[in-house]
Amino acid sequence: MSRDLHLRTMSVNLPDDLIHRVRKLGFDENLSASSIVEQALIAFLDVASEADLVKVLRDRGATLRRG
């Protein structure tokens, strides 16, 4: 899916094991880590209603994080 967007940078903290998996997938499949994360988020956000997504996120431990 192609999206005509103005790209911006977003910094997020990720667990070491997730970073390793994304980087390994990128290396093995000749994809950039940023494109993997971008497309995974787009796919995740496109599959359900906002309420359903919030429930999934909360069930998985998502919280407001402030440094």
Protein backbone atom coordinates (compact mmCIF):
# COMPACT_ATOMS: atom_id res chain seq x y z
CA MET A 1 0.00 0.00 0.00
CA SER A 2 1.42 3.34 -1.01
CA ARG A 3 0.67 6.43 1.03
CA ASP A 4 1.40 9.99 -0.01
CA LEU A 5 2.63 11.28 3.33
CA HIS A 6 5.09 13.83 4.55
CA LEU A 7 7.52 11.69 6.53
CA ARG A 8 8.68 12.73 9.96
CA THR A 9 10.87 11.09 12.55
CA MET A 10 9.45 9.58 15.72
CA SER A 11 11.70 8.22 18.42
CA VAL A 12 10.44 5.28 20.47
CA ASN A 13 11.95 2.97 23.05
CA LEU A 14 11.81 -0.72 22.15
CA PRO A 15 12.91 -3.84 24.02
CA ASP A 16 16.23 -5.30 22.90
CA ASP A 17 14.62 -8.53 21.69
CA LEU A 18 12.18 -6.65 19.45
CA ILE A 19 14.94 -4.50 17.98
CA HIS A 20 16.97 -7.63 17.28
CA ARG A 21 14.01 -9.32 15.55
CA VAL A 22 13.26 -6.29 13.37
CA ARG A 23 16.91 -5.83 12.40
CA LYS A 24 17.33 -9.55 11.64
CA LEU A 25 14.18 -9.56 9.50
CA GLY A 26 15.42 -6.47 7.69
CA PHE A 27 18.81 -8.01 7.05
CA ASP A 28 17.41 -11.40 5.99
CA GLU A 29 14.79 -9.88 3.67
CA ASN A 30 16.69 -6.79 2.47
CA LEU A 31 14.25 -4.34 4.10
CA SER A 32 14.93 -1.31 6.26
CA ALA A 33 13.99 -1.49 9.93
CA SER A 34 12.03 1.75 9.58
CA SER A 35 9.94 0.38 6.69
CA ILE A 36 9.19 -2.79 8.69
CA VAL A 37 8.00 -0.77 11.68
CA GLU A 38 6.05 1.68 9.50
CA GLN A 39 4.21 -1.02 7.56
CA ALA A 40 3.55 -3.11 10.69
CA LEU A 41 1.96 -0.09 12.38
CA ILE A 42 -0.12 0.74 9.31
CA ALA A 43 -1.34 -2.87 9.11
CA PHE A 44 -2.11 -2.96 12.84
CA LEU A 45 -4.00 0.35 12.78
CA ASP A 46 -5.97 -0.60 9.66
CA VAL A 47 -7.46 -3.85 11.01
CA ALA A 48 -9.96 -2.75 13.64
CA SER A 49 -11.79 0.09 15.30
CA GLU A 50 -9.93 2.46 17.59
CA ALA A 51 -11.73 1.02 20.64
CA ASP A 52 -10.70 -2.53 19.70
CA LEU A 53 -7.10 -1.43 19.16
CA VAL A 54 -6.99 0.34 22.51
CA LYS A 55 -8.27 -2.82 24.21
CA VAL A 56 -5.56 -4.92 22.55
CA LEU A 57 -2.90 -2.39 23.51
CA ARG A 58 -4.05 -2.14 27.13
CA ASP A 59 -4.35 -5.94 27.40
CA ARG A 60 -0.72 -6.15 26.26
CA GLY A 61 0.43 -3.66 28.87
CA ALA A 62 0.53 -0.38 26.95
CA THR A 63 0.73 2.67 29.20
CA LEU A 64 1.51 6.35 29.00
CA ARG A 65 5.29 6.65 29.26
CA ARG A 66 6.94 9.90 30.16
CA GLY A 67 10.68 10.15 30.77
